[in-house]
């Protein structure tokens, strides 16, 4: 995500791409989950910027993912699932639960692509540290 400025929403400059090809009769799903339920800092005494499903511009602090686009070579079509399909500063939670980011609307898909970005906002009272991290895992699977 880069450096966070208190009170401002920061958006990752790099986007994350996940692809799926499946002949599953019930289509494909792309899941995501994190390790820390937010951005966690060991230096700041294990302080966490909690992951949320919310509009970051309207809260003091939070972190999450926002889907930016979907496409497919054939089949599907791919679609972003709420809360990851929001606009602007709206994000979906990245916690330790496996959550559906996108799917192929219950149909087989070839080269189904989901692209998302990460967003974070830190409050004025959050401790300063250069090690706020989360580990995100993506799973692409067919639904048979």
N, C-alpha and C. Protein backbone atom coordinates (compact mmCIF):
# COMPACT_ATOMS: atom_id res chain seq x y z
N UNK A 1 0.83 -1.19 0.00
CA UNK A 1 0.00 0.00 0.00
C UNK A 1 0.88 1.25 0.00
N UNK A 2 1.98 1.19 0.70
CA UNK A 2 2.87 2.35 0.78
C UNK A 2 2.69 3.09 2.09
N UNK A 3 3.16 4.32 2.14
CA UNK A 3 3.07 5.13 3.35
C UNK A 3 1.64 5.60 3.56
N UNK A 4 1.20 5.54 4.82
CA UNK A 4 -0.15 5.99 5.18
C UNK A 4 -0.07 7.35 5.85
N UNK A 5 -0.92 8.27 5.44
CA UNK A 5 -1.00 9.59 6.04
C UNK A 5 -2.26 9.64 6.90
N UNK A 6 -2.15 10.02 8.16
CA UNK A 6 -3.31 10.07 9.04
C UNK A 6 -4.46 10.88 8.45
N UNK A 7 -5.65 10.29 8.49
CA UNK A 7 -6.86 10.96 8.03
C UNK A 7 -7.12 10.86 6.53
N UNK A 8 -6.20 10.24 5.78
CA UNK A 8 -6.37 10.14 4.32
C UNK A 8 -6.45 8.68 3.90
N UNK A 9 -7.25 8.41 2.88
CA UNK A 9 -7.33 7.06 2.33
C UNK A 9 -6.17 6.88 1.35
N UNK A 10 -5.43 5.79 1.54
CA UNK A 10 -4.32 5.46 0.65
C UNK A 10 -4.72 4.22 -0.15
N UNK A 11 -4.52 4.28 -1.46
CA UNK A 11 -4.84 3.17 -2.35
C UNK A 11 -3.56 2.58 -2.91
N UNK A 12 -3.48 1.26 -2.93
CA UNK A 12 -2.29 0.60 -3.47
C UNK A 12 -2.10 1.01 -4.93
N UNK A 13 -0.85 1.28 -5.30
CA UNK A 13 -0.57 1.60 -6.70
C UNK A 13 -0.60 0.33 -7.55
N UNK A 14 -0.21 -0.78 -6.98
CA UNK A 14 -0.26 -2.06 -7.68
C UNK A 14 -1.61 -2.71 -7.45
N UNK A 15 -2.17 -3.28 -8.49
CA UNK A 15 -3.41 -4.04 -8.38
C UNK A 15 -3.06 -5.52 -8.30
N UNK A 16 -3.96 -6.31 -7.75
CA UNK A 16 -3.77 -7.75 -7.63
C UNK A 16 -4.70 -8.43 -8.63
N UNK A 17 -4.16 -9.35 -9.42
CA UNK A 17 -4.94 -10.11 -10.39
C UNK A 17 -5.06 -11.55 -9.96
N UNK A 18 -6.24 -12.10 -10.09
CA UNK A 18 -6.49 -13.53 -9.85
C UNK A 18 -7.25 -14.07 -11.05
N UNK A 19 -6.83 -15.22 -11.57
CA UNK A 19 -7.49 -15.79 -12.73
C UNK A 19 -7.97 -17.21 -12.44
N UNK A 20 -8.99 -17.60 -13.19
CA UNK A 20 -9.53 -18.95 -13.03
C UNK A 20 -10.05 -19.45 -14.39
N UNK A 21 -9.78 -20.71 -14.64
CA UNK A 21 -10.39 -21.43 -15.75
C UNK A 21 -10.94 -22.72 -15.17
N UNK A 22 -12.22 -22.98 -15.39
CA UNK A 22 -12.82 -24.21 -14.87
C UNK A 22 -13.97 -24.65 -15.76
N UNK A 23 -14.11 -25.97 -15.90
CA UNK A 23 -15.25 -26.51 -16.63
C UNK A 23 -16.35 -26.96 -15.66
N UNK A 24 -16.25 -26.56 -14.42
CA UNK A 24 -17.23 -26.91 -13.41
C UNK A 24 -18.63 -26.45 -13.83
N UNK A 25 -19.59 -27.32 -13.69
CA UNK A 25 -20.96 -26.98 -14.09
C UNK A 25 -21.56 -25.86 -13.24
N UNK A 26 -21.06 -25.68 -12.03
CA UNK A 26 -21.55 -24.60 -11.16
C UNK A 26 -20.62 -23.40 -11.15
N UNK A 27 -19.65 -23.37 -12.04
CA UNK A 27 -18.78 -22.21 -12.18
C UNK A 27 -17.60 -22.19 -11.23
N UNK A 28 -16.93 -21.06 -11.22
CA UNK A 28 -15.74 -20.87 -10.41
C UNK A 28 -15.89 -19.73 -9.43
N UNK A 29 -15.13 -19.84 -8.35
CA UNK A 29 -15.16 -18.82 -7.30
C UNK A 29 -13.72 -18.43 -6.96
N UNK A 30 -13.54 -17.16 -6.65
CA UNK A 30 -12.26 -16.68 -6.15
C UNK A 30 -12.50 -16.15 -4.74
N UNK A 31 -11.80 -16.76 -3.79
CA UNK A 31 -11.91 -16.39 -2.37
C UNK A 31 -10.67 -15.60 -1.95
N UNK A 32 -10.81 -14.80 -0.90
CA UNK A 32 -9.65 -14.18 -0.26
C UNK A 32 -9.83 -14.20 1.24
N UNK A 33 -8.70 -14.22 1.92
CA UNK A 33 -8.68 -14.06 3.38
C UNK A 33 -7.30 -13.58 3.79
N UNK A 34 -7.21 -13.04 4.99
CA UNK A 34 -5.95 -12.51 5.51
C UNK A 34 -5.51 -13.26 6.74
N UNK A 35 -4.37 -12.86 7.24
CA UNK A 35 -3.78 -13.49 8.42
C UNK A 35 -4.04 -12.70 9.70
N UNK A 36 -4.11 -11.37 9.58
CA UNK A 36 -4.09 -10.51 10.76
C UNK A 36 -5.40 -9.80 11.08
N UNK A 37 -6.48 -10.02 10.32
CA UNK A 37 -7.71 -9.26 10.51
C UNK A 37 -7.50 -7.77 10.37
N UNK A 38 -6.45 -7.39 9.65
CA UNK A 38 -6.11 -5.99 9.44
C UNK A 38 -4.64 -5.85 9.17
N UNK A 39 -4.16 -4.61 9.24
CA UNK A 39 -2.74 -4.34 9.10
C UNK A 39 -2.14 -4.27 10.50
N UNK A 40 -1.21 -5.17 10.79
CA UNK A 40 -0.68 -5.32 12.15
C UNK A 40 0.78 -4.90 12.21
N UNK A 41 1.15 -4.23 13.29
CA UNK A 41 2.52 -3.77 13.50
C UNK A 41 3.10 -4.36 14.78
N UNK A 42 4.20 -5.09 14.65
CA UNK A 42 4.91 -5.59 15.82
C UNK A 42 5.64 -4.45 16.52
N UNK A 43 6.20 -3.53 15.73
CA UNK A 43 6.93 -2.39 16.29
C UNK A 43 6.03 -1.54 17.18
N UNK A 44 4.78 -1.38 16.77
CA UNK A 44 3.82 -0.55 17.51
C UNK A 44 3.05 -1.38 18.54
N UNK A 45 3.68 -2.39 19.11
CA UNK A 45 3.05 -3.18 20.17
C UNK A 45 1.87 -4.01 19.70
N UNK A 46 1.95 -4.55 18.49
CA UNK A 46 0.88 -5.35 17.88
C UNK A 46 -0.39 -4.56 17.63
N UNK A 47 -0.26 -3.25 17.46
CA UNK A 47 -1.40 -2.41 17.09
C UNK A 47 -1.90 -2.85 15.72
N UNK A 48 -3.21 -2.86 15.53
CA UNK A 48 -3.79 -3.25 14.24
C UNK A 48 -4.72 -2.17 13.72
N UNK A 49 -4.61 -1.92 12.42
CA UNK A 49 -5.59 -1.13 11.70
C UNK A 49 -6.61 -2.16 11.22
N UNK A 50 -7.76 -2.20 11.83
CA UNK A 50 -8.73 -3.27 11.58
C UNK A 50 -9.26 -3.27 10.16
N UNK A 51 -9.48 -4.46 9.64
CA UNK A 51 -10.11 -4.59 8.33
C UNK A 51 -11.61 -4.41 8.50
N UNK A 52 -12.22 -3.72 7.53
CA UNK A 52 -13.64 -3.37 7.63
C UNK A 52 -14.33 -3.55 6.28
N UNK A 53 -15.64 -3.60 6.31
CA UNK A 53 -16.48 -3.44 5.13
C UNK A 53 -17.20 -2.12 5.35
N UNK A 54 -16.68 -1.06 4.70
CA UNK A 54 -17.20 0.27 4.98
C UNK A 54 -16.67 1.25 3.94
N UNK A 55 -17.17 2.47 4.00
CA UNK A 55 -16.65 3.57 3.21
C UNK A 55 -15.54 4.22 4.03
N UNK A 56 -14.29 4.05 3.61
CA UNK A 56 -13.17 4.55 4.39
C UNK A 56 -13.18 6.06 4.55
N UNK A 57 -13.82 6.77 3.63
CA UNK A 57 -13.86 8.23 3.75
C UNK A 57 -14.76 8.68 4.90
N UNK A 58 -15.61 7.78 5.41
CA UNK A 58 -16.55 8.18 6.46
C UNK A 58 -16.18 7.64 7.85
N UNK A 59 -15.06 6.93 7.98
CA UNK A 59 -14.63 6.42 9.28
C UNK A 59 -13.20 6.87 9.55
N UNK A 60 -12.77 6.76 10.80
CA UNK A 60 -11.44 7.27 11.15
C UNK A 60 -10.31 6.33 10.76
N UNK A 61 -10.59 5.03 10.68
CA UNK A 61 -9.50 4.09 10.41
C UNK A 61 -10.06 2.79 9.83
N UNK A 62 -9.33 2.17 8.92
CA UNK A 62 -9.74 0.88 8.38
C UNK A 62 -8.88 0.46 7.21
N UNK A 63 -9.12 -0.78 6.79
CA UNK A 63 -8.33 -1.40 5.71
C UNK A 63 -9.20 -2.43 5.03
N UNK A 64 -9.06 -2.57 3.70
CA UNK A 64 -9.83 -3.57 2.98
C UNK A 64 -9.49 -3.62 1.51
N UNK A 65 -10.27 -4.42 0.78
CA UNK A 65 -10.07 -4.63 -0.65
C UNK A 65 -11.28 -4.11 -1.42
N UNK A 66 -11.00 -3.60 -2.63
CA UNK A 66 -12.06 -3.15 -3.53
C UNK A 66 -11.79 -3.70 -4.91
N UNK A 67 -12.73 -4.48 -5.43
CA UNK A 67 -12.61 -4.99 -6.78
C UNK A 67 -12.67 -3.86 -7.78
N UNK A 68 -11.78 -3.90 -8.79
CA UNK A 68 -11.76 -2.83 -9.78
C UNK A 68 -12.25 -3.28 -11.14
N UNK A 69 -12.11 -4.57 -11.46
CA UNK A 69 -12.61 -5.04 -12.75
C UNK A 69 -12.66 -6.56 -12.79
N UNK A 70 -13.50 -7.08 -13.67
CA UNK A 70 -13.58 -8.51 -13.97
C UNK A 70 -13.71 -8.66 -15.47
N UNK A 71 -13.25 -9.80 -15.97
CA UNK A 71 -13.41 -10.11 -17.39
C UNK A 71 -13.25 -11.62 -17.55
N UNK A 72 -13.50 -12.10 -18.77
CA UNK A 72 -13.35 -13.52 -19.05
C UNK A 72 -13.08 -13.68 -20.53
N UNK A 73 -12.38 -14.78 -20.86
CA UNK A 73 -12.17 -15.09 -22.27
C UNK A 73 -13.45 -15.61 -22.88
N UNK A 74 -14.11 -16.53 -22.16
CA UNK A 74 -15.41 -17.06 -22.58
C UNK A 74 -16.11 -17.62 -21.35
N UNK A 75 -17.41 -17.84 -21.50
CA UNK A 75 -18.20 -18.38 -20.39
C UNK A 75 -18.52 -17.32 -19.36
N UNK A 76 -18.84 -17.80 -18.16
CA UNK A 76 -19.18 -16.90 -17.08
C UNK A 76 -20.49 -16.18 -17.32
N UNK A 77 -20.54 -14.89 -17.11
CA UNK A 77 -19.45 -13.94 -16.94
C UNK A 77 -18.98 -13.84 -15.48
N UNK A 78 -17.77 -13.32 -15.30
CA UNK A 78 -17.25 -13.06 -13.96
C UNK A 78 -17.99 -11.86 -13.37
N UNK A 79 -18.17 -11.88 -12.05
CA UNK A 79 -18.79 -10.76 -11.34
C UNK A 79 -18.14 -10.59 -9.98
N UNK A 80 -18.03 -9.34 -9.54
CA UNK A 80 -17.56 -9.04 -8.19
C UNK A 80 -18.72 -9.21 -7.23
N UNK A 81 -18.43 -9.73 -6.04
CA UNK A 81 -19.44 -10.00 -5.04
C UNK A 81 -19.38 -8.92 -3.95
N UNK A 82 -20.52 -8.49 -3.46
CA UNK A 82 -20.59 -7.52 -2.37
C UNK A 82 -19.92 -8.12 -1.13
N UNK A 83 -19.15 -7.36 -0.40
CA UNK A 83 -18.92 -5.92 -0.40
C UNK A 83 -17.73 -5.46 -1.24
N UNK A 84 -17.17 -6.34 -2.06
CA UNK A 84 -15.97 -6.01 -2.83
C UNK A 84 -16.28 -5.27 -4.13
N UNK A 85 -17.55 -5.09 -4.43
CA UNK A 85 -17.96 -4.45 -5.68
C UNK A 85 -18.33 -2.98 -5.50
N UNK A 86 -17.90 -2.38 -4.42
CA UNK A 86 -18.22 -0.98 -4.15
C UNK A 86 -17.41 -0.02 -5.01
N UNK A 87 -17.81 1.24 -4.98
CA UNK A 87 -17.13 2.29 -5.73
C UNK A 87 -16.39 3.21 -4.77
N UNK A 88 -15.53 4.05 -5.31
CA UNK A 88 -14.85 5.07 -4.52
C UNK A 88 -13.99 4.48 -3.41
N UNK A 89 -14.28 4.86 -2.19
CA UNK A 89 -13.49 4.43 -1.03
C UNK A 89 -14.14 3.28 -0.27
N UNK A 90 -15.15 2.65 -0.86
CA UNK A 90 -15.82 1.51 -0.23
C UNK A 90 -14.96 0.25 -0.37
N UNK A 91 -14.75 -0.45 0.73
CA UNK A 91 -13.93 -1.66 0.71
C UNK A 91 -14.66 -2.81 1.39
N UNK A 92 -14.19 -4.02 1.11
CA UNK A 92 -14.67 -5.22 1.77
C UNK A 92 -13.62 -5.74 2.72
N UNK A 93 -14.08 -6.40 3.73
CA UNK A 93 -13.22 -6.90 4.80
C UNK A 93 -12.25 -7.99 4.32
N UNK A 94 -11.05 -7.98 4.88
CA UNK A 94 -10.07 -9.04 4.68
C UNK A 94 -9.74 -9.55 6.08
N UNK A 95 -10.43 -10.59 6.50
CA UNK A 95 -10.17 -11.16 7.82
C UNK A 95 -9.76 -12.62 7.66
N UNK A 96 -9.79 -13.37 8.72
CA UNK A 96 -9.34 -14.76 8.67
C UNK A 96 -10.40 -15.72 8.13
N UNK A 97 -11.58 -15.20 7.81
CA UNK A 97 -12.62 -16.03 7.20
C UNK A 97 -12.46 -16.02 5.68
N UNK A 98 -12.67 -17.17 5.06
CA UNK A 98 -12.61 -17.27 3.60
C UNK A 98 -13.87 -16.63 3.03
N UNK A 99 -13.69 -15.57 2.21
CA UNK A 99 -14.82 -14.81 1.68
C UNK A 99 -14.76 -14.78 0.15
N UNK A 100 -15.93 -14.84 -0.49
CA UNK A 100 -15.99 -14.82 -1.94
C UNK A 100 -15.77 -13.40 -2.45
N UNK A 101 -14.74 -13.22 -3.25
CA UNK A 101 -14.42 -11.95 -3.89
C UNK A 101 -15.16 -11.83 -5.22
N UNK A 102 -15.16 -12.93 -5.99
CA UNK A 102 -15.83 -12.92 -7.29
C UNK A 102 -16.23 -14.34 -7.66
N UNK A 103 -17.12 -14.44 -8.66
CA UNK A 103 -17.50 -15.77 -9.16
C UNK A 103 -17.85 -15.66 -10.64
N UNK A 104 -18.08 -16.80 -11.24
CA UNK A 104 -18.40 -16.83 -12.68
C UNK A 104 -19.89 -17.05 -12.91
N UNK A 105 -20.71 -16.54 -12.02
CA UNK A 105 -22.18 -16.58 -12.10
C UNK A 105 -22.74 -17.98 -12.36
N UNK A 106 -22.11 -18.97 -11.72
CA UNK A 106 -22.62 -20.34 -11.79
C UNK A 106 -22.42 -21.03 -13.12
N UNK A 107 -21.47 -20.57 -13.93
CA UNK A 107 -21.23 -21.18 -15.24
C UNK A 107 -19.73 -21.43 -15.43
N UNK A 108 -19.36 -22.42 -16.26
CA UNK A 108 -17.94 -22.62 -16.58
C UNK A 108 -17.35 -21.33 -17.15
N UNK A 109 -16.03 -21.17 -16.98
CA UNK A 109 -15.38 -19.94 -17.44
C UNK A 109 -13.96 -20.25 -17.89
N UNK A 110 -13.51 -19.52 -18.89
CA UNK A 110 -12.14 -19.60 -19.37
C UNK A 110 -11.49 -18.24 -19.19
N UNK A 111 -10.30 -18.24 -18.60
CA UNK A 111 -9.54 -17.00 -18.37
C UNK A 111 -10.36 -15.95 -17.63
N UNK A 112 -11.05 -16.38 -16.57
CA UNK A 112 -11.80 -15.45 -15.73
C UNK A 112 -10.83 -14.63 -14.89
N UNK A 113 -10.86 -13.33 -15.04
CA UNK A 113 -9.93 -12.43 -14.36
C UNK A 113 -10.66 -11.55 -13.37
N UNK A 114 -10.12 -11.47 -12.16
CA UNK A 114 -10.59 -10.54 -11.14
C UNK A 114 -9.42 -9.67 -10.74
N UNK A 115 -9.60 -8.37 -10.77
CA UNK A 115 -8.55 -7.43 -10.36
C UNK A 115 -9.08 -6.63 -9.17
N UNK A 116 -8.21 -6.49 -8.15
CA UNK A 116 -8.62 -5.68 -6.99
C UNK A 116 -7.45 -4.87 -6.47
N UNK A 117 -7.79 -3.88 -5.65
CA UNK A 117 -6.80 -3.02 -5.02
C UNK A 117 -7.02 -3.03 -3.51
N UNK A 118 -6.01 -2.62 -2.79
CA UNK A 118 -6.09 -2.50 -1.34
C UNK A 118 -6.16 -1.03 -0.97
N UNK A 119 -6.92 -0.74 0.08
CA UNK A 119 -7.06 0.62 0.57
C UNK A 119 -6.92 0.62 2.09
N UNK A 120 -6.35 1.69 2.61
CA UNK A 120 -6.22 1.81 4.07
C UNK A 120 -6.31 3.28 4.48
N UNK A 121 -6.80 3.46 5.68
CA UNK A 121 -6.85 4.79 6.29
C UNK A 121 -6.44 4.63 7.74
N UNK A 122 -5.53 5.47 8.18
CA UNK A 122 -5.05 5.41 9.55
C UNK A 122 -5.50 6.67 10.30
N UNK A 123 -5.82 6.48 11.57
CA UNK A 123 -6.28 7.61 12.38
C UNK A 123 -5.09 8.44 12.87
N UNK A 124 -5.41 9.61 13.38
CA UNK A 124 -4.37 10.50 13.92
C UNK A 124 -3.75 9.95 15.20
N UNK A 125 -4.42 9.01 15.85
CA UNK A 125 -3.92 8.47 17.12
C UNK A 125 -3.19 7.14 16.97
N UNK A 126 -3.15 6.58 15.76
CA UNK A 126 -2.46 5.29 15.54
C UNK A 126 -0.96 5.48 15.71
N UNK A 127 -0.31 4.51 16.35
CA UNK A 127 1.14 4.62 16.51
C UNK A 127 1.87 4.53 15.17
N UNK A 128 2.88 5.32 15.02
CA UNK A 128 3.68 5.33 13.80
C UNK A 128 4.60 4.11 13.78
N UNK A 129 4.66 3.43 12.64
CA UNK A 129 5.55 2.27 12.47
C UNK A 129 5.68 1.98 10.98
N UNK A 130 6.77 1.33 10.61
CA UNK A 130 7.00 1.02 9.20
C UNK A 130 6.79 -0.46 8.87
N UNK A 131 6.10 -1.17 9.77
CA UNK A 131 5.95 -2.61 9.55
C UNK A 131 4.49 -3.09 9.57
N UNK A 132 3.55 -2.21 9.27
CA UNK A 132 2.14 -2.65 9.22
C UNK A 132 1.98 -3.62 8.05
N UNK A 133 1.56 -4.85 8.35
CA UNK A 133 1.46 -5.88 7.31
C UNK A 133 0.25 -6.77 7.48
N UNK A 134 -0.08 -7.43 6.41
CA UNK A 134 -1.06 -8.51 6.39
C UNK A 134 -0.60 -9.48 5.31
N UNK A 135 -0.93 -10.72 5.45
CA UNK A 135 -0.66 -11.72 4.42
C UNK A 135 -2.01 -12.13 3.85
N UNK A 136 -2.19 -11.91 2.55
CA UNK A 136 -3.46 -12.21 1.89
C UNK A 136 -3.31 -13.49 1.08
N UNK A 137 -4.28 -14.37 1.22
CA UNK A 137 -4.31 -15.61 0.45
C UNK A 137 -5.52 -15.60 -0.47
N UNK A 138 -5.30 -15.99 -1.71
CA UNK A 138 -6.37 -16.11 -2.70
C UNK A 138 -6.53 -17.58 -3.06
N UNK A 139 -7.77 -18.01 -3.21
CA UNK A 139 -8.06 -19.39 -3.63
C UNK A 139 -9.03 -19.32 -4.80
N UNK A 140 -8.66 -19.95 -5.90
CA UNK A 140 -9.56 -20.08 -7.06
C UNK A 140 -9.98 -21.53 -7.17
N UNK A 141 -11.29 -21.78 -7.21
CA UNK A 141 -11.77 -23.15 -7.20
C UNK A 141 -13.05 -23.29 -8.03
N UNK A 142 -13.22 -24.46 -8.60
CA UNK A 142 -14.46 -24.77 -9.29
C UNK A 142 -15.49 -25.27 -8.29
N UNK A 143 -16.76 -25.07 -8.63
CA UNK A 143 -17.85 -25.54 -7.77
C UNK A 143 -18.60 -26.64 -8.51
N UNK A 144 -18.38 -27.89 -8.09
CA UNK A 144 -18.97 -29.04 -8.78
C UNK A 144 -20.22 -29.53 -8.07
